[in-house]
Amino acid sequence: IRKALEKHYGDKPVGMGGTFVMQKGKAKIH
């Protein structure tokens, strides 16, 4: 998501936040 924003908006900083659910699968967590 971040790199898609960076690629499109270039030197215009876009910030985002919120929440997401990893609904299925497993994740690498530290």
Full PDB file with SEQRES, HELIX, SHEET, SSBOND, CRYST1, ORIGX, SCALE, CONECT and MASTER records, all heavy atoms in Angstrom:
SEQRES   1 A   30  ILE ARG LYS ALA LEU GLU LYS HIS TYR GLY ASP LYS PRO          
SEQRES   2 A   30  VAL GLY MET GLY GLY THR PHE VAL MET GLN LYS GLY LYS          
SEQRES   3 A   30  ALA LYS ILE HIS                                              
HELIX    1 AA1 ARG A    2  TYR A    9  1                                   8    
CRYST1    1.000    1.000    1.000  90.00  90.00  90.00 P 1           1          
ORIGX1      1.000000  0.000000  0.000000        0.00000                         
ORIGX2      0.000000  1.000000  0.000000        0.00000                         
ORIGX3      0.000000  0.000000  1.000000        0.00000                         
SCALE1      1.000000  0.000000  0.000000        0.00000                         
SCALE2      0.000000  1.000000  0.000000        0.00000                         
SCALE3      0.000000  0.000000  1.000000        0.00000                         
ATOM      1  N   ILE A   1       0.842  -1.204   0.000  1.00  0.00           N  
ATOM      2  CA  ILE A   1       0.000   0.000   0.000  1.00  0.00           C  
ATOM      3  C   ILE A   1       0.877   1.254   0.000  1.00  0.00           C  
ATOM      4  O   ILE A   1       0.669   2.187  -0.788  1.00  0.00           O  
ATOM      5  CB  ILE A   1      -0.943  -0.014   1.223  1.00  0.00           C  
ATOM      6  CG1 ILE A   1      -2.031  -1.080   1.034  1.00  0.00           C  
ATOM      7  CG2 ILE A   1      -1.557   1.365   1.469  1.00  0.00           C  
ATOM      8  CD1 ILE A   1      -2.915  -1.293   2.246  1.00  0.00           C  
ATOM      9  N   ARG A   2       1.882   1.274   0.877  1.00  0.00           N  
ATOM     10  CA  ARG A   2       2.739   2.457   0.993  1.00  0.00           C  
ATOM     11  C   ARG A   2       3.487   2.726  -0.313  1.00  0.00           C  
ATOM     12  O   ARG A   2       3.576   3.864  -0.780  1.00  0.00           O  
ATOM     13  CB  ARG A   2       3.727   2.281   2.145  1.00  0.00           C  
ATOM     14  CG  ARG A   2       4.535   3.537   2.432  1.00  0.00           C  
ATOM     15  CD  ARG A   2       5.597   3.322   3.480  1.00  0.00           C  
ATOM     16  NE  ARG A   2       6.678   2.463   3.036  1.00  0.00           N  
ATOM     17  CZ  ARG A   2       7.630   2.829   2.176  1.00  0.00           C  
ATOM     18  NH1 ARG A   2       7.632   4.042   1.653  1.00  0.00           N  
ATOM     19  NH2 ARG A   2       8.580   1.989   1.846  1.00  0.00           N  
ATOM     20  N   LYS A   3       4.027   1.664  -0.913  1.00  0.00           N  
ATOM     21  CA  LYS A   3       4.819   1.854  -2.134  1.00  0.00           C  
ATOM     22  C   LYS A   3       3.942   2.251  -3.325  1.00  0.00           C  
ATOM     23  O   LYS A   3       4.401   2.967  -4.224  1.00  0.00           O  
ATOM     24  CB  LYS A   3       5.634   0.599  -2.418  1.00  0.00           C  
ATOM     25  CG  LYS A   3       6.794   0.467  -1.428  1.00  0.00           C  
ATOM     26  CD  LYS A   3       7.561  -0.832  -1.573  1.00  0.00           C  
ATOM     27  CE  LYS A   3       8.686  -0.884  -0.548  1.00  0.00           C  
ATOM     28  NZ  LYS A   3       9.399  -2.168  -0.540  1.00  0.00           N  
ATOM     29  N   ALA A   4       2.693   1.809  -3.333  1.00  0.00           N  
ATOM     30  CA  ALA A   4       1.767   2.256  -4.379  1.00  0.00           C  
ATOM     31  C   ALA A   4       1.514   3.753  -4.253  1.00  0.00           C  
ATOM     32  O   ALA A   4       1.482   4.482  -5.261  1.00  0.00           O  
ATOM     33  CB  ALA A   4       0.451   1.481  -4.283  1.00  0.00           C  
ATOM     34  N   LEU A   5       1.371   4.233  -3.020  1.00  0.00           N  
ATOM     35  CA  LEU A   5       1.178   5.668  -2.790  1.00  0.00           C  
ATOM     36  C   LEU A   5       2.436   6.447  -3.169  1.00  0.00           C  
ATOM     37  O   LEU A   5       2.371   7.502  -3.803  1.00  0.00           O  
ATOM     38  CB  LEU A   5       0.824   5.923  -1.322  1.00  0.00           C  
ATOM     39  CG  LEU A   5      -0.515   5.358  -0.837  1.00  0.00           C  
ATOM     40  CD1 LEU A   5      -0.625   5.488   0.678  1.00  0.00           C  
ATOM     41  CD2 LEU A   5      -1.694   6.056  -1.516  1.00  0.00           C  
ATOM     42  N   GLU A   6       3.596   5.900  -2.784  1.00  0.00           N  
ATOM     43  CA  GLU A   6       4.862   6.572  -3.096  1.00  0.00           C  
ATOM     44  C   GLU A   6       5.068   6.671  -4.614  1.00  0.00           C  
ATOM     45  O   GLU A   6       5.464   7.727  -5.129  1.00  0.00           O  
ATOM     46  CB  GLU A   6       6.027   5.792  -2.470  1.00  0.00           C  
ATOM     47  CG  GLU A   6       7.388   6.403  -2.758  1.00  0.00           C  
ATOM     48  CD  GLU A   6       8.539   5.545  -2.251  1.00  0.00           C  
ATOM     49  OE1 GLU A   6       8.315   4.355  -1.932  1.00  0.00           O  
ATOM     50  OE2 GLU A   6       9.665   6.067  -2.189  1.00  0.00           O  
ATOM     51  N   LYS A   7       4.776   5.591  -5.313  1.00  0.00           N  
ATOM     52  CA  LYS A   7       4.957   5.575  -6.766  1.00  0.00           C  
ATOM     53  C   LYS A   7       4.068   6.605  -7.446  1.00  0.00           C  
ATOM     54  O   LYS A   7       4.491   7.296  -8.379  1.00  0.00           O  
ATOM     55  CB  LYS A   7       4.649   4.166  -7.302  1.00  0.00           C  
ATOM     56  CG  LYS A   7       4.888   3.998  -8.791  1.00  0.00           C  
ATOM     57  CD  LYS A   7       4.605   2.557  -9.219  1.00  0.00           C  
ATOM     58  CE  LYS A   7       4.774   2.385 -10.721  1.00  0.00           C  
ATOM     59  NZ  LYS A   7       4.435   0.991 -11.141  1.00  0.00           N  
ATOM     60  N   HIS A   8       2.835   6.744  -6.958  1.00  0.00           N  
ATOM     61  CA  HIS A   8       1.887   7.652  -7.606  1.00  0.00           C  
ATOM     62  C   HIS A   8       2.107   9.109  -7.208  1.00  0.00           C  
ATOM     63  O   HIS A   8       2.046  10.003  -8.059  1.00  0.00           O  
ATOM     64  CB  HIS A   8       0.451   7.233  -7.269  1.00  0.00           C  
ATOM     65  CG  HIS A   8      -0.582   8.034  -8.005  1.00  0.00           C  
ATOM     66  ND1 HIS A   8      -0.974   7.733  -9.287  1.00  0.00           N  
ATOM     67  CD2 HIS A   8      -1.283   9.142  -7.643  1.00  0.00           C  
ATOM     68  CE1 HIS A   8      -1.879   8.619  -9.687  1.00  0.00           C  
ATOM     69  NE2 HIS A   8      -2.085   9.478  -8.707  1.00  0.00           N  
ATOM     70  N   TYR A   9       2.361   9.343  -5.924  1.00  0.00           N  
ATOM     71  CA  TYR A   9       2.396  10.730  -5.435  1.00  0.00           C  
ATOM     72  C   TYR A   9       3.803  11.307  -5.339  1.00  0.00           C  
ATOM     73  O   TYR A   9       3.954  12.504  -5.083  1.00  0.00           O  
ATOM     74  CB  TYR A   9       1.680  10.823  -4.072  1.00  0.00           C  
ATOM     75  CG  TYR A   9       0.202  10.563  -4.203  1.00  0.00           C  
ATOM     76  CD1 TYR A   9      -0.354   9.363  -3.775  1.00  0.00           C  
ATOM     77  CD2 TYR A   9      -0.634  11.492  -4.815  1.00  0.00           C  
ATOM     78  CE1 TYR A   9      -1.706   9.101  -3.920  1.00  0.00           C  
ATOM     79  CE2 TYR A   9      -1.986  11.245  -4.978  1.00  0.00           C  
ATOM     80  CZ  TYR A   9      -2.516  10.044  -4.527  1.00  0.00           C  
ATOM     81  OH  TYR A   9      -3.849   9.800  -4.685  1.00  0.00           O  
ATOM     82  N   GLY A  10       4.837  10.473  -5.551  1.00  0.00           N  
ATOM     83  CA  GLY A  10       6.195  10.982  -5.610  1.00  0.00           C  
ATOM     84  C   GLY A  10       6.599  11.738  -4.362  1.00  0.00           C  
ATOM     85  O   GLY A  10       6.541  11.201  -3.254  1.00  0.00           O  
ATOM     86  N   ASP A  11       6.990  13.009  -4.551  1.00  0.00           N  
ATOM     87  CA  ASP A  11       7.494  13.789  -3.423  1.00  0.00           C  
ATOM     88  C   ASP A  11       6.393  14.445  -2.598  1.00  0.00           C  
ATOM     89  O   ASP A  11       6.682  15.249  -1.702  1.00  0.00           O  
ATOM     90  CB  ASP A  11       8.503  14.840  -3.900  1.00  0.00           C  
ATOM     91  CG  ASP A  11       7.894  15.844  -4.880  1.00  0.00           C  
ATOM     92  OD1 ASP A  11       6.681  15.734  -5.177  1.00  0.00           O  
ATOM     93  OD2 ASP A  11       8.621  16.738  -5.343  1.00  0.00           O  
ATOM     94  N   LYS A  12       5.129  14.105  -2.860  1.00  0.00           N  
ATOM     95  CA  LYS A  12       4.019  14.593  -2.020  1.00  0.00           C  
ATOM     96  C   LYS A  12       3.728  13.531  -0.952  1.00  0.00           C  
ATOM     97  O   LYS A  12       3.191  12.464  -1.281  1.00  0.00           O  
ATOM     98  CB  LYS A  12       2.755  14.813  -2.853  1.00  0.00           C  
ATOM     99  CG  LYS A  12       2.888  15.878  -3.925  1.00  0.00           C  
ATOM    100  CD  LYS A  12       1.586  15.926  -4.715  1.00  0.00           C  
ATOM    101  CE  LYS A  12       1.688  16.903  -5.885  1.00  0.00           C  
ATOM    102  NZ  LYS A  12       0.483  16.776  -6.770  1.00  0.00           N  
ATOM    103  N   PRO A  13       4.080  13.777   0.306  1.00  0.00           N  
ATOM    104  CA  PRO A  13       3.889  12.741   1.335  1.00  0.00           C  
ATOM    105  C   PRO A  13       2.405  12.508   1.649  1.00  0.00           C  
ATOM    106  O   PRO A  13       1.671  13.447   1.946  1.00  0.00           O  
ATOM    107  CB  PRO A  13       4.617  13.311   2.564  1.00  0.00           C  
ATOM    108  CG  PRO A  13       5.429  14.456   2.054  1.00  0.00           C  
ATOM    109  CD  PRO A  13       4.717  14.982   0.859  1.00  0.00           C  
ATOM    110  N   VAL A  14       2.004  11.241   1.568  1.00  0.00           N  
ATOM    111  CA  VAL A  14       0.645  10.830   1.936  1.00  0.00           C  
ATOM    112  C   VAL A  14       0.759   9.897   3.136  1.00  0.00           C  
ATOM    113  O   VAL A  14       1.533   8.936   3.113  1.00  0.00           O  
ATOM    114  CB  VAL A  14      -0.055  10.104   0.761  1.00  0.00           C  
ATOM    115  CG1 VAL A  14      -1.421   9.574   1.193  1.00  0.00           C  
ATOM    116  CG2 VAL A  14      -0.190  11.038  -0.433  1.00  0.00           C  
ATOM    117  N   GLY A  15       0.005  10.185   4.180  1.00  0.00           N  
ATOM    118  CA  GLY A  15       0.002   9.339   5.373  1.00  0.00           C  
ATOM    119  C   GLY A  15      -1.346   8.673   5.554  1.00  0.00           C  
ATOM    120  O   GLY A  15      -2.383   9.261   5.232  1.00  0.00           O  
ATOM    121  N   MET A  16      -1.345   7.450   6.035  1.00  0.00           N  
ATOM    122  CA  MET A  16      -2.608   6.751   6.287  1.00  0.00           C  
ATOM    123  C   MET A  16      -2.488   5.906   7.545  1.00  0.00           C  
ATOM    124  O   MET A  16      -1.412   5.476   7.946  1.00  0.00           O  
ATOM    125  CB  MET A  16      -2.998   5.841   5.112  1.00  0.00           C  
ATOM    126  CG  MET A  16      -3.370   6.583   3.861  1.00  0.00           C  
ATOM    127  SD  MET A  16      -4.592   5.701   2.836  1.00  0.00           S  
ATOM    128  CE  MET A  16      -3.838   4.123   2.593  1.00  0.00           C  
ATOM    129  N   GLY A  17      -3.643   5.660   8.154  1.00  0.00           N  
ATOM    130  CA  GLY A  17      -3.726   4.749   9.282  1.00  0.00           C  
ATOM    131  C   GLY A  17      -5.088   4.120   9.305  1.00  0.00           C  
ATOM    132  O   GLY A  17      -5.947   4.402   8.461  1.00  0.00           O  
ATOM    133  N   GLY A  18      -5.298   3.255  10.283  1.00  0.00           N  
ATOM    134  CA  GLY A  18      -6.581   2.574  10.403  1.00  0.00           C  
ATOM    135  C   GLY A  18      -6.399   1.210  11.016  1.00  0.00           C  
ATOM    136  O   GLY A  18      -5.612   1.026  11.950  1.00  0.00           O  
ATOM    137  N   THR A  19      -7.085   0.232  10.451  1.00  0.00           N  
ATOM    138  CA  THR A  19      -6.998  -1.130  10.981  1.00  0.00           C  
ATOM    139  C   THR A  19      -7.262  -2.127   9.865  1.00  0.00           C  
ATOM    140  O   THR A  19      -8.002  -1.834   8.916  1.00  0.00           O  
ATOM    141  CB  THR A  19      -8.001  -1.335  12.131  1.00  0.00           C  
ATOM    142  OG1 THR A  19      -7.850  -2.654  12.672  1.00  0.00           O  
ATOM    143  CG2 THR A  19      -9.437  -1.152  11.679  1.00  0.00           C  
ATOM    144  N   PHE A  20      -6.604  -3.276   9.946  1.00  0.00           N  
ATOM    145  CA  PHE A  20      -6.933  -4.353   9.019  1.00  0.00           C  
ATOM    146  C   PHE A  20      -6.918  -5.673   9.764  1.00  0.00           C  
ATOM    147  O   PHE A  20      -6.288  -5.801  10.822  1.00  0.00           O  
ATOM    148  CB  PHE A  20      -5.992  -4.383   7.801  1.00  0.00           C  
ATOM    149  CG  PHE A  20      -4.577  -4.817   8.061  1.00  0.00           C  
ATOM    150  CD1 PHE A  20      -4.204  -6.156   8.014  1.00  0.00           C  
ATOM    151  CD2 PHE A  20      -3.583  -3.877   8.317  1.00  0.00           C  
ATOM    152  CE1 PHE A  20      -2.896  -6.558   8.231  1.00  0.00           C  
ATOM    153  CE2 PHE A  20      -2.259  -4.270   8.524  1.00  0.00           C  
ATOM    154  CZ  PHE A  20      -1.919  -5.610   8.490  1.00  0.00           C  
ATOM    155  N   VAL A  21      -7.637  -6.632   9.205  1.00  0.00           N  
ATOM    156  CA  VAL A  21      -7.677  -7.973   9.768  1.00  0.00           C  
ATOM    157  C   VAL A  21      -7.038  -8.930   8.770  1.00  0.00           C  
ATOM    158  O   VAL A  21      -7.411  -8.947   7.592  1.00  0.00           O  
ATOM    159  CB  VAL A  21      -9.126  -8.425  10.073  1.00  0.00           C  
ATOM    160  CG1 VAL A  21      -9.111  -9.820  10.706  1.00  0.00           C  
ATOM    161  CG2 VAL A  21      -9.815  -7.431  10.985  1.00  0.00           C  
ATOM    162  N   MET A  22      -6.044  -9.660   9.227  1.00  0.00           N  
ATOM    163  CA  MET A  22      -5.565 -10.796   8.446  1.00  0.00           C  
ATOM    164  C   MET A  22      -6.521 -11.929   8.792  1.00  0.00           C  
ATOM    165  O   MET A  22      -6.473 -12.488   9.883  1.00  0.00           O  
ATOM    166  CB  MET A  22      -4.121 -11.157   8.791  1.00  0.00           C  
ATOM    167  CG  MET A  22      -3.493 -12.063   7.756  1.00  0.00           C  
ATOM    168  SD  MET A  22      -1.800 -12.545   8.133  1.00  0.00           S  
ATOM    169  CE  MET A  22      -2.117 -14.130   8.885  1.00  0.00           C  
ATOM    170  N   GLN A  23      -7.438 -12.219   7.864  1.00  0.00           N  
ATOM    171  CA  GLN A  23      -8.560 -13.113   8.158  1.00  0.00           C  
ATOM    172  C   GLN A  23      -8.211 -14.591   8.053  1.00  0.00           C  
ATOM    173  O   GLN A  23      -8.800 -15.420   8.743  1.00  0.00           O  
ATOM    174  CB  GLN A  23      -9.727 -12.794   7.218  1.00  0.00           C  
ATOM    175  CG  GLN A  23     -10.283 -11.392   7.409  1.00  0.00           C  
ATOM    176  CD  GLN A  23     -11.376 -11.094   6.409  1.00  0.00           C  
ATOM    177  OE1 GLN A  23     -11.184 -11.186   5.198  1.00  0.00           O  
ATOM    178  NE2 GLN A  23     -12.542 -10.740   6.912  1.00  0.00           N  
ATOM    179  N   LYS A  24      -7.279 -14.904   7.170  1.00  0.00           N  
ATOM    180  CA  LYS A  24      -6.872 -16.304   6.997  1.00  0.00           C  
ATOM    181  C   LYS A  24      -5.364 -16.357   6.821  1.00  0.00           C  
ATOM    182  O   LYS A  24      -4.740 -15.417   6.316  1.00  0.00           O  
ATOM    183  CB  LYS A  24      -7.548 -16.922   5.764  1.00  0.00           C  
ATOM    184  CG  LYS A  24      -9.044 -17.135   5.918  1.00  0.00           C  
ATOM    185  CD  LYS A  24      -9.624 -17.843   4.705  1.00  0.00           C  
ATOM    186  CE  LYS A  24     -11.129 -18.048   4.871  1.00  0.00           C  
ATOM    187  NZ  LYS A  24     -11.731 -18.672   3.660  1.00  0.00           N  
ATOM    188  N   GLY A  25      -4.786 -17.476   7.226  1.00  0.00           N  
ATOM    189  CA  GLY A  25      -3.365 -17.692   7.037  1.00  0.00           C  
ATOM    190  C   GLY A  25      -2.563 -17.529   8.315  1.00  0.00           C  
ATOM    191  O   GLY A  25      -3.101 -17.468   9.428  1.00  0.00           O  
ATOM    192  N   LYS A  26      -1.253 -17.450   8.154  1.00  0.00           N  
ATOM    193  CA  LYS A  26      -0.327 -17.264   9.270  1.00  0.00           C  
ATOM    194  C   LYS A  26       0.631 -16.128   8.943  1.00  0.00           C  
ATOM    195  O   LYS A  26       0.821 -15.785   7.770  1.00  0.00           O  
ATOM    196  CB  LYS A  26       0.445 -18.566   9.544  1.00  0.00           C  
ATOM    197  CG  LYS A  26      -0.442 -19.697  10.046  1.00  0.00           C  
ATOM    198  CD  LYS A  26       0.359 -20.963  10.277  1.00  0.00           C  
ATOM    199  CE  LYS A  26      -0.567 -22.082  10.784  1.00  0.00           C  
ATOM    200  NZ  LYS A  26       0.174 -23.353  10.962  1.00  0.00           N  
ATOM    201  N   ALA A  27       1.239 -15.551   9.989  1.00  0.00           N  
ATOM    202  CA  ALA A  27       2.091 -14.390   9.788  1.00  0.00           C  
ATOM    203  C   ALA A  27       3.379 -14.513  10.583  1.00  0.00           C  
ATOM    204  O   ALA A  27       3.432 -15.156  11.635  1.00  0.00           O  
ATOM    205  CB  ALA A  27       1.356 -13.116  10.200  1.00  0.00           C  
ATOM    206  N   LYS A  28       4.432 -13.873  10.064  1.00  0.00           N  
ATOM    207  CA  LYS A  28       5.707 -13.740  10.782  1.00  0.00           C  
ATOM    208  C   LYS A  28       5.594 -12.525  11.693  1.00  0.00           C  
ATOM    209  O   LYS A  28       5.379 -11.402  11.216  1.00  0.00           O  
ATOM    210  CB  LYS A  28       6.848 -13.560   9.777  1.00  0.00           C  
ATOM    211  CG  LYS A  28       8.215 -13.359  10.418  1.00  0.00           C  
ATOM    212  CD  LYS A  28       9.271 -13.087   9.336  1.00  0.00           C  
ATOM    213  CE  LYS A  28      10.642 -12.839   9.934  1.00  0.00           C  
ATOM    214  NZ  LYS A  28      11.643 -12.515   8.882  1.00  0.00           N  
ATOM    215  N   ILE A  29       5.731 -12.760  12.994  1.00  0.00           N  
ATOM    216  CA  ILE A  29       5.550 -11.721  14.013  1.00  0.00           C  
ATOM    217  C   ILE A  29       6.755 -11.753  14.952  1.00  0.00           C  
ATOM    218  O   ILE A  29       7.249 -12.831  15.289  1.00  0.00           O  
ATOM    219  CB  ILE A  29       4.276 -11.988  14.855  1.00  0.00           C  
ATOM    220  CG1 ILE A  29       3.048 -12.185  13.955  1.00  0.00           C  
ATOM    221  CG2 ILE A  29       4.055 -10.896  15.890  1.00  0.00           C  
ATOM    222  CD1 ILE A  29       2.516 -10.965  13.290  1.00  0.00           C  
ATOM    223  N   HIS A  30       7.219 -10.575  15.374  1.00  0.00           N  
ATOM    224  CA  HIS A  30       8.242 -10.609  16.413  1.00  0.00           C  
ATOM    225  C   HIS A  30       7.719 -10.021  17.720  1.00  0.00           C  
ATOM    226  O   HIS A  30       6.799  -9.207  17.732  1.00  0.00           O  
ATOM    227  CB  HIS A  30       9.550  -9.924  15.970  1.00  0.00           C  
ATOM    228  CG  HIS A  30       9.597  -8.435  16.135  1.00  0.00           C  
ATOM    229  ND1 HIS A  30       9.896  -7.571  15.097  1.00  0.00           N  
ATOM    230  CD2 HIS A  30       9.438  -7.627  17.223  1.00  0.00           C  
ATOM    231  CE1 HIS A  30       9.898  -6.329  15.540  1.00  0.00           C  
ATOM    232  NE2 HIS A  30       9.618  -6.327  16.827  1.00  0.00           N  
TER     233      HIS A  30                                                      
MASTER        0    0    0    1    0    0    0    6  232    1    0    3          
END                                                                             
